[in-house]
Amino acid sequence: MKTVLASRSIEIPEGVTVEIKSRVVSVTGPRGTLTRDFKHMDMDLKVIGGKYVRVDLWFANRKQLASVRTVISHIDNMMVGVTRGFIYKMRFVYSHFPINVSLSGNIVEIRNFLGERRVRRVTLPDGVKYVRSADVKDQIELSGNDIATVSLACAQIQQSTSTRNKDLRKFLDGIYVSEKGAIPAE
């Protein structure tokens, strides 16, 4: 059964401007600008009075209705990104061989994982900042405006330290996300 009209709206916070031109959404705030393309989804995107963004979907089935909330969530994440930003904290887990992680340019180098000689290299996407935590041992922090690029960098680091040909219940070594979310407002 088709729903005639599914509509959702989200409020634009103070200090943030949203521009929509042919389903390409640009969000500008104090931390910068983020742009995202929604042309693959057939729906109406409108800015109403500079205060709200409204997403309308006409005559949609159940699977298409789910994309309305998805688009609203993406736009909300863009607004949070340009006002506060996102931070992901990752911890090193090892039982015997200490994992050594360093940054050279924009490449994260992981050494001595499970005592292996191979150096694992992960390239950080543009707009992702790497910080080694000073107060917590064996922790790195990745931060940036775009939640997609920050979480992608974390996923690539985590997947680069996956254990192969060993019992995963016993060999739990790796670099895992311990905490994630928006950067707390001061």
Protein backbone atom coordinates (compact mmCIF):
# COMPACT_ATOMS: atom_id res chain seq x y z
CA MET A 1 0.00 0.00 0.00
CA LYS A 2 1.26 3.45 -0.86
CA THR A 3 1.25 6.38 1.52
CA VAL A 4 0.06 9.60 -0.10
CA LEU A 5 2.44 12.00 1.69
CA ALA A 6 5.21 11.34 4.19
CA SER A 7 6.72 14.52 5.59
CA ARG A 8 9.33 15.28 8.25
CA SER A 9 11.01 18.51 9.22
CA ILE A 10 14.03 19.50 11.28
CA GLU A 11 14.83 22.84 12.90
CA ILE A 12 17.90 24.76 11.76
CA PRO A 13 19.96 25.87 14.80
CA GLU A 14 21.25 29.43 15.31
CA GLY A 15 24.39 30.31 13.38
CA VAL A 16 23.79 27.63 10.74
CA THR A 17 22.65 28.23 7.16
CA VAL A 18 21.27 25.50 4.91
CA GLU A 19 21.15 25.75 1.12
CA ILE A 20 19.36 23.18 -1.06
CA LYS A 21 19.69 23.17 -4.83
CA SER A 22 18.40 20.15 -6.79
CA ARG A 23 18.75 17.76 -3.82
CA VAL A 24 22.33 18.84 -3.01
CA VAL A 25 22.34 20.05 0.60
CA SER A 26 25.04 22.50 1.81
CA VAL A 27 25.23 23.24 5.53
CA THR A 28 27.46 26.12 6.70
CA GLY A 29 28.32 26.84 10.32
CA PRO A 30 31.10 28.16 12.56
CA ARG A 31 33.35 25.10 11.94
CA GLY A 32 33.02 25.09 8.15
CA THR A 33 30.83 23.80 5.32
CA LEU A 34 29.54 20.30 4.57
CA THR A 35 27.87 19.26 1.32
CA ARG A 36 25.93 16.08 0.63
CA ASP A 37 24.20 14.83 -2.49
CA PHE A 38 20.75 13.18 -2.15
CA LYS A 39 20.00 12.88 -5.89
CA HIS A 40 19.69 9.09 -5.64
CA MET A 41 16.57 9.52 -3.45
CA ASP A 42 13.41 10.72 -5.16
CA MET A 43 11.97 13.24 -2.68
CA ASP A 44 11.33 16.95 -2.15
CA LEU A 45 13.78 18.91 0.02
CA LYS A 46 12.86 22.48 1.00
CA VAL A 47 14.11 25.18 3.39
CA ILE A 48 11.08 26.84 4.98
CA GLY A 49 11.59 30.42 6.14
CA GLY A 50 15.25 29.82 6.98
CA LYS A 51 14.14 28.03 10.16
CA TYR A 52 13.20 24.50 9.06
CA VAL A 53 14.25 21.90 6.50
CA ARG A 54 11.30 19.83 5.26
CA VAL A 55 11.50 16.48 3.47
CA ASP A 56 8.41 15.37 1.53
CA LEU A 57 7.89 12.01 -0.14
CA TRP A 58 4.77 11.45 -2.24
CA PHE A 59 3.16 8.07 -3.00
CA ALA A 60 5.82 5.89 -1.41
CA ASN A 61 5.86 2.27 -0.39
CA ARG A 62 7.25 1.02 2.90
CA LYS A 63 10.92 0.83 1.89
CA GLN A 64 10.87 4.31 0.39
CA LEU A 65 9.25 5.73 3.55
CA ALA A 66 12.26 4.65 5.61
CA SER A 67 14.52 6.95 3.58
CA VAL A 68 12.70 10.09 4.84
CA ARG A 69 14.00 9.66 8.39
CA THR A 70 17.43 8.71 7.00
CA VAL A 71 17.76 11.98 5.08
CA ILE A 72 16.65 13.98 8.14
CA SER A 73 19.28 12.17 10.26
CA HIS A 74 22.00 12.90 7.68
CA ILE A 75 21.10 16.60 7.64
CA ASP A 76 21.02 16.66 11.46
CA ASN A 77 24.50 15.09 11.59
CA MET A 78 25.73 17.76 9.16
CA MET A 79 24.33 20.51 11.40
CA VAL A 80 25.98 19.01 14.50
CA GLY A 81 29.21 18.63 12.52
CA VAL A 82 29.46 22.30 11.52
CA THR A 83 28.57 23.54 15.02
CA ARG A 84 30.31 21.09 17.40
CA GLY A 85 32.05 18.39 15.35
CA PHE A 86 32.46 14.68 16.06
CA ILE A 87 35.08 12.82 18.10
CA TYR A 88 35.85 9.09 18.16
CA LYS A 89 38.15 7.64 20.84
CA MET A 90 39.98 4.40 20.11
CA ARG A 91 41.83 2.19 22.61
CA PHE A 92 44.66 -0.26 21.94
CA VAL A 93 44.00 -3.75 23.27
CA TYR A 94 46.92 -6.18 23.57
CA SER A 95 47.92 -9.04 25.84
CA HIS A 96 51.66 -9.36 25.17
CA PHE A 97 53.07 -7.33 22.28
CA PRO A 98 52.44 -3.59 22.81
CA ILE A 99 50.88 -1.97 19.73
CA ASN A 100 52.82 1.07 18.51
CA VAL A 101 50.81 3.70 16.60
CA SER A 102 52.30 6.83 15.05
CA LEU A 103 51.30 9.50 12.55
CA SER A 104 53.48 10.45 9.59
CA GLY A 105 51.87 13.12 7.44
CA ASN A 106 48.27 11.94 7.09
CA ILE A 107 49.09 8.22 7.33
CA VAL A 108 48.55 6.29 10.58
CA GLU A 109 51.23 3.61 10.97
CA ILE A 110 50.54 0.59 13.21
CA ARG A 111 53.61 -1.40 14.26
CA ASN A 112 54.27 -4.51 16.39
CA PHE A 113 50.68 -5.82 16.16
CA LEU A 114 50.82 -9.39 17.56
CA GLY A 115 54.61 -9.06 17.24
CA GLU A 116 54.43 -8.96 13.46
CA ARG A 117 57.10 -7.10 11.51
CA ARG A 118 54.61 -5.80 8.92
CA VAL A 119 53.73 -2.12 9.21
CA ARG A 120 50.02 -1.45 8.70
CA ARG A 121 49.26 1.91 7.09
CA VAL A 122 45.89 3.68 7.06
CA THR A 123 45.46 6.97 5.18
CA LEU A 124 43.32 9.51 7.01
CA PRO A 125 40.67 11.24 4.84
CA ASP A 126 40.70 15.03 4.48
CA GLY A 127 39.20 16.85 7.46
CA VAL A 128 40.05 14.16 10.05
CA LYS A 129 42.41 15.17 12.86
CA TYR A 130 44.51 12.62 14.77
CA VAL A 131 45.48 13.26 18.42
CA ARG A 132 47.31 10.92 20.79
CA SER A 133 45.66 11.21 24.23
CA ALA A 134 48.05 12.63 26.82
CA ASP A 135 46.05 11.66 29.93
CA VAL A 136 45.01 8.11 28.92
CA LYS A 137 47.54 5.43 27.99
CA ASP A 138 47.08 3.62 24.66
CA GLN A 139 44.32 5.86 23.29
CA ILE A 140 43.97 7.94 20.13
CA GLU A 141 41.28 10.48 19.26
CA LEU A 142 40.00 11.13 15.75
CA SER A 143 37.88 14.24 15.24
CA GLY A 144 36.34 16.21 12.39
CA ASN A 145 33.20 17.83 11.03
CA ASP A 146 31.90 15.04 8.80
CA ILE A 147 30.71 11.98 10.76
CA ALA A 148 31.06 9.79 7.66
CA THR A 149 34.78 10.47 7.16
CA VAL A 150 35.65 10.27 10.88
CA SER A 151 33.83 6.95 11.34
CA LEU A 152 35.32 5.63 8.06
CA ALA A 153 38.84 6.37 9.33
CA CYS A 154 38.07 4.57 12.62
CA ALA A 155 36.63 1.57 10.77
CA GLN A 156 39.72 1.32 8.55
CA ILE A 157 42.04 1.45 11.57
CA GLN A 158 39.99 -1.21 13.38
CA GLN A 159 39.82 -3.48 10.32
CA SER A 160 43.56 -3.16 9.68
CA THR A 161 44.17 -4.89 13.02
CA SER A 162 41.88 -7.87 12.44
CA THR A 163 43.35 -11.20 13.58
CA ARG A 164 43.58 -13.92 10.94
CA ASN A 165 44.02 -17.70 11.31
CA LYS A 166 43.81 -17.57 15.10
CA ASP A 167 41.11 -18.26 17.68
CA LEU A 168 39.23 -14.94 17.95
CA ARG A 169 38.00 -15.81 21.46
CA LYS A 170 41.60 -15.88 22.68
CA PHE A 171 43.37 -13.31 20.49
CA LEU A 172 41.44 -10.13 21.24
CA ASP A 173 44.28 -7.78 20.27
CA GLY A 174 43.40 -4.78 18.14
CA ILE A 175 42.41 -1.12 18.11
CA TYR A 176 38.74 -0.61 18.98
CA VAL A 177 36.37 2.37 19.23
CA SER A 178 35.73 2.95 22.93
CA GLU A 179 33.72 6.17 22.80
CA LYS A 180 32.05 8.24 20.09
CA GLY A 181 29.77 11.21 19.71
CA ALA A 182 29.62 14.96 19.24
CA ILE A 183 32.37 17.08 20.77
CA PRO A 184 30.98 18.36 24.11
CA ALA A 185 30.02 22.05 24.08
CA GLU A 186 32.15 24.24 26.34
